[in-house]
């Protein structure tokens, strides 16, 4: 297993749990990933790239996931974020 494969497995293991999904959603929200505003400032671009980098390390930021990623926006990014934050609280 390469170091890249090991990192991907670790990221997936952590962020695929219910708690991990909540933390990931919070990180992505904090990075502006769900924002519909235009990105103009260098610091905003850097933050969104952090979000993309995390998703890339998980193996999510890939072409095969295009429709799932787009669906988060089309379905309403705030609703998606809310669902992730409430995941696991119903148990």
PDB file of N, CA and C in Angstrom:
ATOM      1  N   UNK A   1       0.846  -1.175   0.000  1.00  0.00           N
ATOM      2  CA  UNK A   1       0.000   0.000   0.000  1.00  0.00           C
ATOM      3  C   UNK A   1       0.895   1.244   0.000  1.00  0.00           C
ATOM      4  N   UNK A   2       0.617   2.128  -0.932  1.00  0.00           N
ATOM      5  CA  UNK A   2       1.400   3.363  -1.010  1.00  0.00           C
ATOM      6  C   UNK A   2       0.966   4.329   0.103  1.00  0.00           C
ATOM      7  N   UNK A   3       1.767   5.349   0.334  1.00  0.00           N
ATOM      8  CA  UNK A   3       1.412   6.339   1.359  1.00  0.00           C
ATOM      9  C   UNK A   3       0.136   7.091   0.968  1.00  0.00           C
ATOM     10  N   UNK A   4      -0.076   7.309  -0.317  1.00  0.00           N
ATOM     11  CA  UNK A   4      -1.303   7.963  -0.790  1.00  0.00           C
ATOM     12  C   UNK A   4      -2.527   7.083  -0.520  1.00  0.00           C
ATOM     13  N   UNK A   5      -2.400   5.789  -0.793  1.00  0.00           N
ATOM     14  CA  UNK A   5      -3.504   4.863  -0.529  1.00  0.00           C
ATOM     15  C   UNK A   5      -3.801   4.762   0.963  1.00  0.00           C
ATOM     16  N   UNK A   6      -2.739   4.768   1.760  1.00  0.00           N
ATOM     17  CA  UNK A   6      -2.922   4.708   3.216  1.00  0.00           C
ATOM     18  C   UNK A   6      -3.624   5.964   3.730  1.00  0.00           C
ATOM     19  N   UNK A   7      -3.204   7.134   3.231  1.00  0.00           N
ATOM     20  CA  UNK A   7      -3.845   8.385   3.634  1.00  0.00           C
ATOM     21  C   UNK A   7      -5.318   8.378   3.238  1.00  0.00           C
ATOM     22  N   UNK A   8      -5.624   7.923   2.022  1.00  0.00           N
ATOM     23  CA  UNK A   8      -7.014   7.857   1.560  1.00  0.00           C
ATOM     24  C   UNK A   8      -7.838   6.955   2.471  1.00  0.00           C
ATOM     25  N   UNK A   9      -7.292   5.808   2.814  1.00  0.00           N
ATOM     26  CA  UNK A   9      -8.008   4.878   3.692  1.00  0.00           C
ATOM     27  C   UNK A   9      -8.257   5.488   5.066  1.00  0.00           C
ATOM     28  N   UNK A  10      -7.270   6.204   5.593  1.00  0.00           N
ATOM     29  CA  UNK A  10      -7.422   6.852   6.897  1.00  0.00           C
ATOM     30  C   UNK A  10      -8.468   7.962   6.851  1.00  0.00           C
ATOM     31  N   UNK A  11      -8.408   8.792   5.825  1.00  0.00           N
ATOM     32  CA  UNK A  11      -9.395   9.867   5.681  1.00  0.00           C
ATOM     33  C   UNK A  11     -10.805   9.276   5.585  1.00  0.00           C
ATOM     34  N   UNK A  12     -10.960   8.238   4.776  1.00  0.00           N
ATOM     35  CA  UNK A  12     -12.272   7.617   4.621  1.00  0.00           C
ATOM     36  C   UNK A  12     -12.747   6.994   5.935  1.00  0.00           C
ATOM     37  N   UNK A  13     -11.852   6.343   6.629  1.00  0.00           N
ATOM     38  CA  UNK A  13     -12.221   5.707   7.899  1.00  0.00           C
ATOM     39  C   UNK A  13     -12.727   6.742   8.897  1.00  0.00           C
ATOM     40  N   UNK A  14     -12.051   7.872   8.965  1.00  0.00           N
ATOM     41  CA  UNK A  14     -12.430   8.917   9.924  1.00  0.00           C
ATOM     42  C   UNK A  14     -13.709   9.630   9.489  1.00  0.00           C
ATOM     43  N   UNK A  15     -13.788  10.044   8.218  1.00  0.00           N
ATOM     44  CA  UNK A  15     -14.889  10.891   7.785  1.00  0.00           C
ATOM     45  C   UNK A  15     -16.132  10.132   7.333  1.00  0.00           C
ATOM     46  N   UNK A  16     -16.091   8.813   7.282  1.00  0.00           N
ATOM     47  CA  UNK A  16     -17.277   8.056   6.889  1.00  0.00           C
ATOM     48  C   UNK A  16     -18.124   7.632   8.090  1.00  0.00           C
ATOM     49  N   UNK A  17     -17.636   7.849   9.295  1.00  0.00           N
ATOM     50  CA  UNK A  17     -18.461   7.587  10.469  1.00  0.00           C
ATOM     51  C   UNK A  17     -19.495   8.706  10.564  1.00  0.00           C
ATOM     52  N   UNK A  18     -20.546   8.499  11.342  1.00  0.00           N
ATOM     53  CA  UNK A  18     -21.564   9.536  11.502  1.00  0.00           C
ATOM     54  C   UNK A  18     -20.962  10.803  12.092  1.00  0.00           C
ATOM     55  N   UNK A  19     -20.110  10.633  13.107  1.00  0.00           N
ATOM     56  CA  UNK A  19     -19.463  11.795  13.718  1.00  0.00           C
ATOM     57  C   UNK A  19     -18.509  12.459  12.729  1.00  0.00           C
ATOM     58  N   UNK A  20     -17.794  11.633  11.977  1.00  0.00           N
ATOM     59  CA  UNK A  20     -16.855  12.156  10.985  1.00  0.00           C
ATOM     60  C   UNK A  20     -17.552  12.952   9.905  1.00  0.00           C
ATOM     61  N   UNK A  21     -18.747  12.509   9.482  1.00  0.00           N
ATOM     62  CA  UNK A  21     -19.523  13.247   8.485  1.00  0.00           C
ATOM     63  C   UNK A  21     -19.911  14.619   9.021  1.00  0.00           C
ATOM     64  N   UNK A  22     -20.265  14.675  10.287  1.00  0.00           N
ATOM     65  CA  UNK A  22     -20.632  15.951  10.891  1.00  0.00           C
ATOM     66  C   UNK A  22     -19.430  16.888  10.934  1.00  0.00           C
ATOM     67  N   UNK A  23     -18.270  16.347  11.306  1.00  0.00           N
ATOM     68  CA  UNK A  23     -17.049  17.153  11.363  1.00  0.00           C
ATOM     69  C   UNK A  23     -16.653  17.600   9.958  1.00  0.00           C
ATOM     70  N   UNK A  24     -16.716  16.695   8.990  1.00  0.00           N
ATOM     71  CA  UNK A  24     -16.366  17.039   7.610  1.00  0.00           C
ATOM     72  C   UNK A  24     -17.295  18.120   7.078  1.00  0.00           C
ATOM     73  N   UNK A  25     -18.598  17.986   7.325  1.00  0.00           N
ATOM     74  CA  UNK A  25     -19.553  19.000   6.874  1.00  0.00           C
ATOM     75  C   UNK A  25     -19.223  20.358   7.491  1.00  0.00           C
ATOM     76  N   UNK A  26     -18.843  20.366   8.761  1.00  0.00           N
ATOM     77  CA  UNK A  26     -18.490  21.609   9.437  1.00  0.00           C
ATOM     78  C   UNK A  26     -17.220  22.210   8.836  1.00  0.00           C
ATOM     79  N   UNK A  27     -16.220  21.370   8.568  1.00  0.00           N
ATOM     80  CA  UNK A  27     -14.971  21.847   7.954  1.00  0.00           C
ATOM     81  C   UNK A  27     -15.253  22.429   6.572  1.00  0.00           C
ATOM     82  N   UNK A  28     -16.030  21.695   5.759  1.00  0.00           N
ATOM     83  CA  UNK A  28     -16.335  22.162   4.406  1.00  0.00           C
ATOM     84  C   UNK A  28     -17.127  23.464   4.448  1.00  0.00           C
ATOM     85  N   UNK A  29     -18.073  23.555   5.369  1.00  0.00           N
ATOM     86  CA  UNK A  29     -18.847  24.790   5.509  1.00  0.00           C
ATOM     87  C   UNK A  29     -17.942  25.946   5.908  1.00  0.00           C
ATOM     88  N   UNK A  30     -17.054  25.699   6.861  1.00  0.00           N
ATOM     89  CA  UNK A  30     -16.127  26.728   7.320  1.00  0.00           C
ATOM     90  C   UNK A  30     -15.185  27.182   6.200  1.00  0.00           C
ATOM     91  N   UNK A  31     -14.858  26.276   5.286  1.00  0.00           N
ATOM     92  CA  UNK A  31     -13.977  26.603   4.158  1.00  0.00           C
ATOM     93  C   UNK A  31     -14.722  27.302   3.026  1.00  0.00           C
ATOM     94  N   UNK A  32     -16.051  27.419   3.150  1.00  0.00           N
ATOM     95  CA  UNK A  32     -16.835  28.073   2.112  1.00  0.00           C
ATOM     96  C   UNK A  32     -17.243  27.163   0.978  1.00  0.00           C
ATOM     97  N   UNK A  33     -17.103  25.859   1.161  1.00  0.00           N
ATOM     98  CA  UNK A  33     -17.405  24.901   0.098  1.00  0.00           C
ATOM     99  C   UNK A  33     -18.861  24.978  -0.347  1.00  0.00           C
ATOM    100  N   UNK A  34     -19.773  25.246   0.565  1.00  0.00           N
ATOM    101  CA  UNK A  34     -21.196  25.284   0.253  1.00  0.00           C
ATOM    102  C   UNK A  34     -21.682  26.677  -0.139  1.00  0.00           C
ATOM    103  N   UNK A  35     -20.811  27.662  -0.118  1.00  0.00           N
ATOM    104  CA  UNK A  35     -21.200  29.039  -0.406  1.00  0.00           C
ATOM    105  C   UNK A  35     -21.549  29.206  -1.881  1.00  0.00           C
ATOM    106  N   UNK A  36     -22.563  30.000  -2.124  1.00  0.00           N
ATOM    107  CA  UNK A  36     -22.957  30.306  -3.500  1.00  0.00           C
ATOM    108  C   UNK A  36     -22.434  31.667  -3.950  1.00  0.00           C
ATOM    109  N   UNK A  37     -21.683  32.331  -3.087  1.00  0.00           N
ATOM    110  CA  UNK A  37     -21.111  33.627  -3.422  1.00  0.00           C
ATOM    111  C   UNK A  37     -19.883  33.452  -4.310  1.00  0.00           C
ATOM    112  N   UNK A  38     -19.643  34.460  -5.142  1.00  0.00           N
ATOM    113  CA  UNK A  38     -18.451  34.437  -5.998  1.00  0.00           C
ATOM    114  C   UNK A  38     -17.196  34.483  -5.133  1.00  0.00           C
ATOM    115  N   UNK A  39     -16.196  33.744  -5.558  1.00  0.00           N
ATOM    116  CA  UNK A  39     -14.928  33.704  -4.843  1.00  0.00           C
ATOM    117  C   UNK A  39     -13.974  34.671  -5.531  1.00  0.00           C
ATOM    118  N   UNK A  40     -13.546  35.686  -4.790  1.00  0.00           N
ATOM    119  CA  UNK A  40     -12.690  36.713  -5.383  1.00  0.00           C
ATOM    120  C   UNK A  40     -11.394  36.912  -4.610  1.00  0.00           C
ATOM    121  N   UNK A  41     -11.461  36.860  -3.297  1.00  0.00           N
ATOM    122  CA  UNK A  41     -10.284  37.137  -2.477  1.00  0.00           C
ATOM    123  C   UNK A  41      -9.355  35.925  -2.439  1.00  0.00           C
ATOM    124  N   UNK A  42      -8.052  36.171  -2.436  1.00  0.00           N
ATOM    125  CA  UNK A  42      -7.090  35.054  -2.389  1.00  0.00           C
ATOM    126  C   UNK A  42      -7.299  34.141  -1.173  1.00  0.00           C
ATOM    127  N   UNK A  43      -7.659  34.713  -0.033  1.00  0.00           N
ATOM    128  CA  UNK A  43      -7.852  33.889   1.159  1.00  0.00           C
ATOM    129  C   UNK A  43      -9.093  32.988   1.027  1.00  0.00           C
ATOM    130  N   UNK A  44     -10.114  33.452   0.303  1.00  0.00           N
ATOM    131  CA  UNK A  44     -11.297  32.624   0.063  1.00  0.00           C
ATOM    132  C   UNK A  44     -10.970  31.477  -0.887  1.00  0.00           C
ATOM    133  N   UNK A  45     -10.162  31.785  -1.888  1.00  0.00           N
ATOM    134  CA  UNK A  45      -9.723  30.748  -2.832  1.00  0.00           C
ATOM    135  C   UNK A  45      -8.893  29.698  -2.101  1.00  0.00           C
ATOM    136  N   UNK A  46      -8.034  30.141  -1.204  1.00  0.00           N
ATOM    137  CA  UNK A  46      -7.216  29.202  -0.421  1.00  0.00           C
ATOM    138  C   UNK A  46      -8.095  28.305   0.433  1.00  0.00           C
ATOM    139  N   UNK A  47      -9.121  28.874   1.072  1.00  0.00           N
ATOM    140  CA  UNK A  47     -10.008  28.067   1.919  1.00  0.00           C
ATOM    141  C   UNK A  47     -10.772  27.023   1.113  1.00  0.00           C
ATOM    142  N   UNK A  48     -11.300  27.418  -0.040  1.00  0.00           N
ATOM    143  CA  UNK A  48     -12.051  26.459  -0.864  1.00  0.00           C
ATOM    144  C   UNK A  48     -11.122  25.360  -1.371  1.00  0.00           C
ATOM    145  N   UNK A  49      -9.862  25.702  -1.616  1.00  0.00           N
ATOM    146  CA  UNK A  49      -8.902  24.693  -2.053  1.00  0.00           C
ATOM    147  C   UNK A  49      -8.570  23.711  -0.933  1.00  0.00           C
ATOM    148  N   UNK A  50      -8.635  24.160   0.318  1.00  0.00           N
ATOM    149  CA  UNK A  50      -8.456  23.241   1.454  1.00  0.00           C
ATOM    150  C   UNK A  50      -9.584  22.220   1.442  1.00  0.00           C
ATOM    151  N   UNK A  51     -10.812  22.681   1.234  1.00  0.00           N
ATOM    152  CA  UNK A  51     -11.963  21.776   1.175  1.00  0.00           C
ATOM    153  C   UNK A  51     -11.788  20.763   0.044  1.00  0.00           C
ATOM    154  N   UNK A  52     -11.387  21.235  -1.106  1.00  0.00           N
ATOM    155  CA  UNK A  52     -11.177  20.335  -2.252  1.00  0.00           C
ATOM    156  C   UNK A  52     -10.058  19.339  -1.964  1.00  0.00           C
ATOM    157  N   UNK A  53      -9.032  19.804  -1.293  1.00  0.00           N
ATOM    158  CA  UNK A  53      -7.890  18.937  -0.965  1.00  0.00           C
ATOM    159  C   UNK A  53      -8.322  17.810  -0.030  1.00  0.00           C
ATOM    160  N   UNK A  54      -9.128  18.146   0.970  1.00  0.00           N
ATOM    161  CA  UNK A  54      -9.624  17.119   1.899  1.00  0.00           C
ATOM    162  C   UNK A  54     -10.458  16.092   1.137  1.00  0.00           C
ATOM    163  N   UNK A  55     -11.366  16.563   0.287  1.00  0.00           N
ATOM    164  CA  UNK A  55     -12.187  15.643  -0.504  1.00  0.00           C
ATOM    165  C   UNK A  55     -11.322  14.828  -1.461  1.00  0.00           C
ATOM    166  N   UNK A  56     -10.280  15.443  -1.990  1.00  0.00           N
ATOM    167  CA  UNK A  56      -9.353  14.718  -2.869  1.00  0.00           C
ATOM    168  C   UNK A  56      -8.608  13.632  -2.135  1.00  0.00           C
ATOM    169  N   UNK A  57      -8.167  13.923  -0.915  1.00  0.00           N
ATOM    170  CA  UNK A  57      -7.450  12.912  -0.132  1.00  0.00           C
ATOM    171  C   UNK A  57      -8.359  11.732   0.207  1.00  0.00           C
ATOM    172  N   UNK A  58      -9.666  12.001   0.301  1.00  0.00           N
ATOM    173  CA  UNK A  58     -10.630  10.933   0.580  1.00  0.00           C
ATOM    174  C   UNK A  58     -10.975  10.135  -0.678  1.00  0.00           C
ATOM    175  N   UNK A  59     -10.610  10.674  -1.836  1.00  0.00           N
ATOM    176  CA  UNK A  59     -10.964  10.023  -3.090  1.00  0.00           C
ATOM    177  C   UNK A  59     -12.339  10.427  -3.585  1.00  0.00           C
ATOM    178  N   UNK A  60     -12.905  11.478  -3.008  1.00  0.00           N
ATOM    179  CA  UNK A  60     -14.243  11.934  -3.372  1.00  0.00           C
ATOM    180  C   UNK A  60     -14.197  12.950  -4.508  1.00  0.00           C
ATOM    181  N   UNK A  61     -13.179  13.792  -4.532  1.00  0.00           N
ATOM    182  CA  UNK A  61     -13.079  14.861  -5.521  1.00  0.00           C
ATOM    183  C   UNK A  61     -12.556  14.279  -6.828  1.00  0.00           C
ATOM    184  N   UNK A  62     -13.385  13.445  -7.449  1.00  0.00           N
ATOM    185  CA  UNK A  62     -13.028  12.770  -8.693  1.00  0.00           C
ATOM    186  C   UNK A  62     -14.198  12.868  -9.663  1.00  0.00           C
ATOM    187  N   UNK A  63     -13.917  12.711 -10.926  1.00  0.00           N
ATOM    188  CA  UNK A  63     -14.946  12.836 -11.959  1.00  0.00           C
ATOM    189  C   UNK A  63     -16.097  11.858 -11.752  1.00  0.00           C
ATOM    190  N   UNK A  64     -15.802  10.658 -11.267  1.00  0.00           N
ATOM    191  CA  UNK A  64     -16.863   9.660 -11.083  1.00  0.00           C
ATOM    192  C   UNK A  64     -17.904  10.108 -10.052  1.00  0.00           C
ATOM    193  N   UNK A  65     -17.574  11.079  -9.209  1.00  0.00           N
ATOM    194  CA  UNK A  65     -18.494  11.581  -8.188  1.00  0.00           C
ATOM    195  C   UNK A  65     -19.146  12.906  -8.581  1.00  0.00           C
ATOM    196  N   UNK A  66     -18.994  13.295  -9.826  1.00  0.00           N
ATOM    197  CA  UNK A  66     -19.489  14.580 -10.298  1.00  0.00           C
ATOM    198  C   UNK A  66     -20.959  14.796  -9.958  1.00  0.00           C
ATOM    199  N   UNK A  67     -21.808  13.802 -10.238  1.00  0.00           N
ATOM    200  CA  UNK A  67     -23.240  13.985 -10.025  1.00  0.00           C
ATOM    201  C   UNK A  67     -23.602  14.027  -8.540  1.00  0.00           C
ATOM    202  N   UNK A  68     -22.878  13.288  -7.720  1.00  0.00           N
ATOM    203  CA  UNK A  68     -23.115  13.350  -6.275  1.00  0.00           C
ATOM    204  C   UNK A  68     -22.726  14.719  -5.717  1.00  0.00           C
ATOM    205  N   UNK A  69     -21.596  15.241  -6.160  1.00  0.00           N
ATOM    206  CA  UNK A  69     -21.143  16.553  -5.698  1.00  0.00           C
ATOM    207  C   UNK A  69     -22.104  17.629  -6.195  1.00  0.00           C
ATOM    208  N   UNK A  70     -22.483  17.555  -7.479  1.00  0.00           N
ATOM    209  CA  UNK A  70     -23.426  18.533  -8.031  1.00  0.00           C
ATOM    210  C   UNK A  70     -24.783  18.422  -7.337  1.00  0.00           C
ATOM    211  N   UNK A  71     -25.182  17.216  -6.974  1.00  0.00           N
ATOM    212  CA  UNK A  71     -26.459  17.010  -6.305  1.00  0.00           C
ATOM    213  C   UNK A  71     -26.543  17.711  -4.968  1.00  0.00           C
ATOM    214  N   UNK A  72     -25.409  17.866  -4.311  1.00  0.00           N
ATOM    215  CA  UNK A  72     -25.389  18.580  -3.031  1.00  0.00           C
ATOM    216  C   UNK A  72     -25.788  20.033  -3.240  1.00  0.00           C
ATOM    217  N   UNK A  73     -25.408  20.601  -4.370  1.00  0.00           N
ATOM    218  CA  UNK A  73     -25.763  21.980  -4.669  1.00  0.00           C
ATOM    219  C   UNK A  73     -27.187  22.085  -5.211  1.00  0.00           C
ATOM    220  N   UNK A  74     -27.527  21.214  -6.148  1.00  0.00           N
ATOM    221  CA  UNK A  74     -28.847  21.264  -6.771  1.00  0.00           C
ATOM    222  C   UNK A  74     -29.942  20.996  -5.744  1.00  0.00           C
ATOM    223  N   UNK A  75     -29.676  20.054  -4.833  1.00  0.00           N
ATOM    224  CA  UNK A  75     -30.655  19.707  -3.809  1.00  0.00           C
ATOM    225  C   UNK A  75     -30.756  20.749  -2.714  1.00  0.00           C
ATOM    226  N   UNK A  76     -29.951  21.730  -2.765  1.00  0.00           N
ATOM    227  CA  UNK A  76     -29.943  22.790  -1.755  1.00  0.00           C
ATOM    228  C   UNK A  76     -28.796  22.580  -0.804  1.00  0.00           C
ATOM    229  N   UNK A  77     -27.761  23.358  -0.958  1.00  0.00           N
ATOM    230  CA  UNK A  77     -26.548  23.146  -0.167  1.00  0.00           C
ATOM    231  C   UNK A  77     -26.807  23.286   1.318  1.00  0.00           C
ATOM    232  N   UNK A  78     -27.700  24.161   1.737  1.00  0.00           N
ATOM    233  CA  UNK A  78     -27.965  24.313   3.166  1.00  0.00           C
ATOM    234  C   UNK A  78     -28.704  23.096   3.699  1.00  0.00           C
ATOM    235  N   UNK A  79     -29.624  22.554   2.919  1.00  0.00           N
ATOM    236  CA  UNK A  79     -30.322  21.339   3.326  1.00  0.00           C
ATOM    237  C   UNK A  79     -29.360  20.170   3.451  1.00  0.00           C
ATOM    238  N   UNK A  80     -28.409  20.087   2.529  1.00  0.00           N
ATOM    239  CA  UNK A  80     -27.407  19.021   2.569  1.00  0.00           C
ATOM    240  C   UNK A  80     -26.567  19.132   3.832  1.00  0.00           C
ATOM    241  N   UNK A  81     -26.138  20.347   4.138  1.00  0.00           N
ATOM    242  CA  UNK A  81     -25.328  20.587   5.328  1.00  0.00           C
ATOM    243  C   UNK A  81     -26.125  20.240   6.581  1.00  0.00           C
ATOM    244  N   UNK A  82     -27.387  20.642   6.619  1.00  0.00           N
ATOM    245  CA  UNK A  82     -28.246  20.364   7.771  1.00  0.00           C
ATOM    246  C   UNK A  82     -28.425  18.860   7.954  1.00  0.00           C
ATOM    247  N   UNK A  83     -28.627  18.141   6.863  1.00  0.00           N
ATOM    248  CA  UNK A  83     -28.789  16.678   6.956  1.00  0.00           C
ATOM    249  C   UNK A  83     -27.517  16.033   7.489  1.00  0.00           C
ATOM    250  N   UNK A  84     -26.355  16.500   7.048  1.00  0.00           N
ATOM    251  CA  UNK A  84     -25.109  15.922   7.536  1.00  0.00           C
ATOM    252  C   UNK A  84     -24.919  16.187   9.025  1.00  0.00           C
ATOM    253  N   UNK A  85     -25.260  17.392   9.463  1.00  0.00           N
ATOM    254  CA  UNK A  85     -25.093  17.726  10.870  1.00  0.00           C
ATOM    255  C   UNK A  85     -26.052  16.949  11.754  1.00  0.00           C
ATOM    256  N   UNK A  86     -27.230  16.623  11.232  1.00  0.00           N
ATOM    257  CA  UNK A  86     -28.198  15.903  12.049  1.00  0.00           C
ATOM    258  C   UNK A  86     -28.066  14.394  11.915  1.00  0.00           C
ATOM    259  N   UNK A  87     -27.179  13.920  11.057  1.00  0.00           N
ATOM    260  CA  UNK A  87     -26.991  12.475  10.878  1.00  0.00           C
ATOM    261  C   UNK A  87     -26.578  11.816  12.178  1.00  0.00           C
ATOM    262  N   UNK A  88     -27.250  10.764  12.519  1.00  0.00           N
ATOM    263  CA  UNK A  88     -26.898  10.014  13.710  1.00  0.00           C
ATOM    264  C   UNK A  88     -27.528  10.519  14.991  1.00  0.00           C
ATOM    265  N   UNK A  89     -28.176  11.678  14.973  1.00  0.00           N
ATOM    266  CA  UNK A  89     -28.779  12.222  16.178  1.00  0.00           C
ATOM    267  C   UNK A  89     -30.131  11.572  16.487  1.00  0.00           C
ATOM    268  N   UNK A  90     -30.708  10.877  15.503  1.00  0.00           N
ATOM    269  CA  UNK A  90     -32.023  10.273  15.662  1.00  0.00           C
ATOM    270  C   UNK A  90     -31.949   8.941  16.390  1.00  0.00           C
ATOM    271  N   UNK A  91     -30.799   8.426  16.595  1.00  0.00           N
ATOM    272  CA  UNK A  91     -30.644   7.100  17.204  1.00  0.00           C
ATOM    273  C   UNK A  91     -30.890   7.110  18.675  1.00  0.00           C
TER     274      UNK A  91
END
